[in-house]
Amino acid sequence: MTMHTPGPWVVHQELHYEAFVVAGAYPYGSTICRLEDEPREGTREANARLIAAAPDLLGALEQIRGFASVMDESNWRDIKLHIQRQCSMIDKAEGK
């Protein structure tokens, strides 16, 4: 059973407080975390993006685990397609 706030999670910036907030997307909308005191410039936003990507990354790893249990040469094309999707999730986490 999933105990975390369901994805997708989104990042938004609070301009008045110079903070980045990670929140569950509508209809959940609850704040997951708020990043405001980071030692290096740009770290807050990068950390927020990585945290927001967590539900997608967890889903990708769960798919890979499923593929590993049934992998044979006949389904390599499907595996390649799913790996490409996982790579796009990495890009999302990196803000690309």
Protein backbone atom coordinates (compact mmCIF):
# COMPACT_ATOMS: atom_id res chain seq x y z
CA MET A 1 0.00 0.00 0.00
CA THR A 2 1.32 3.45 -0.93
CA MET A 3 1.63 5.68 2.10
CA HIS A 4 2.91 8.83 0.39
CA THR A 5 0.92 11.58 -1.29
CA PRO A 6 0.11 10.32 -4.79
CA GLY A 7 1.95 11.94 -7.70
CA PRO A 8 2.36 13.90 -9.71
CA TRP A 9 4.14 16.41 -7.50
CA VAL A 10 4.82 19.94 -8.68
CA VAL A 11 7.31 22.68 -7.75
CA HIS A 12 6.46 26.32 -7.31
CA GLN A 13 8.43 29.25 -6.00
CA GLU A 14 7.29 31.48 -3.16
CA LEU A 15 8.69 34.84 -4.21
CA HIS A 16 8.11 36.61 -0.90
CA TYR A 17 10.11 34.04 1.05
CA GLU A 18 12.59 32.94 -1.64
CA ALA A 19 11.52 29.36 -1.03
CA PHE A 20 10.62 26.47 -3.30
CA VAL A 21 7.61 24.34 -2.39
CA VAL A 22 6.93 20.81 -3.54
CA ALA A 23 3.23 20.00 -3.46
CA GLY A 24 0.90 17.31 -4.64
CA ALA A 25 -0.81 18.28 -7.86
CA TYR A 26 -4.56 18.96 -7.96
CA PRO A 27 -6.79 17.54 -6.48
CA TYR A 28 -4.43 16.69 -3.59
CA GLY A 29 -2.63 20.00 -3.33
CA SER A 30 -0.97 19.30 0.00
CA THR A 31 2.54 20.60 0.64
CA ILE A 32 5.12 17.84 0.55
CA CYS A 33 8.06 20.01 1.63
CA ARG A 34 9.33 23.59 1.62
CA LEU A 35 12.98 24.37 0.86
CA GLU A 36 14.27 27.73 1.95
CA ASP A 37 17.63 27.51 3.75
CA GLU A 38 20.14 25.94 1.38
CA PRO A 39 23.83 26.82 1.60
CA ARG A 40 24.56 27.17 -2.12
CA GLU A 41 22.83 29.25 -4.80
CA GLY A 42 20.53 27.19 -7.01
CA THR A 43 20.44 24.24 -4.62
CA ARG A 44 16.88 24.87 -3.44
CA GLU A 45 15.34 24.64 -6.89
CA ALA A 46 17.41 21.60 -7.89
CA ASN A 47 16.49 19.78 -4.67
CA ALA A 48 12.82 20.69 -5.12
CA ARG A 49 12.81 19.29 -8.68
CA LEU A 50 14.43 16.07 -7.51
CA ILE A 51 11.93 15.66 -4.67
CA ALA A 52 9.01 16.39 -7.02
CA ALA A 53 10.24 13.66 -9.37
CA ALA A 54 10.22 11.04 -6.57
CA PRO A 55 6.80 9.48 -7.40
CA ASP A 56 7.77 9.14 -11.09
CA LEU A 57 11.17 7.70 -10.23
CA LEU A 58 9.61 5.21 -7.80
CA GLY A 59 7.18 4.13 -10.51
CA ALA A 60 10.05 3.69 -12.98
CA LEU A 61 11.99 1.52 -10.57
CA GLU A 62 8.91 -0.59 -9.87
CA GLN A 63 8.52 -1.15 -13.63
CA ILE A 64 12.17 -2.14 -13.98
CA ARG A 65 11.76 -4.60 -11.10
CA GLY A 66 8.78 -6.10 -12.94
CA PHE A 67 10.74 -6.38 -16.19
CA ALA A 68 13.64 -8.09 -14.45
CA SER A 69 11.33 -10.85 -13.24
CA VAL A 70 10.03 -11.68 -16.74
CA MET A 71 12.94 -10.64 -18.96
CA ASP A 72 13.76 -12.73 -22.01
CA GLU A 73 14.90 -11.91 -25.54
CA SER A 74 11.35 -11.73 -26.92
CA ASN A 75 10.46 -8.57 -25.00
CA TRP A 76 13.62 -6.46 -25.52
CA ARG A 77 11.72 -3.90 -27.66
CA ASP A 78 9.22 -3.28 -24.85
CA ILE A 79 12.03 -3.01 -22.32
CA LYS A 80 13.89 -0.49 -24.50
CA LEU A 81 10.72 1.65 -24.81
CA HIS A 82 10.20 1.67 -21.05
CA ILE A 83 13.85 2.53 -20.40
CA GLN A 84 13.48 5.50 -22.76
CA ARG A 85 10.47 6.63 -20.71
CA GLN A 86 12.52 6.30 -17.52
CA CYS A 87 15.23 8.46 -19.10
CA SER A 88 12.62 11.17 -19.74
CA MET A 89 11.76 11.05 -16.02
CA ILE A 90 15.45 11.61 -15.21
CA ASP A 91 15.36 14.64 -17.53
CA LYS A 92 12.30 15.94 -15.64
CA ALA A 93 14.10 15.56 -12.32
CA GLU A 94 17.03 17.52 -13.74
CA GLY A 95 14.75 20.30 -15.03
CA LYS A 96 15.30 19.58 -18.73
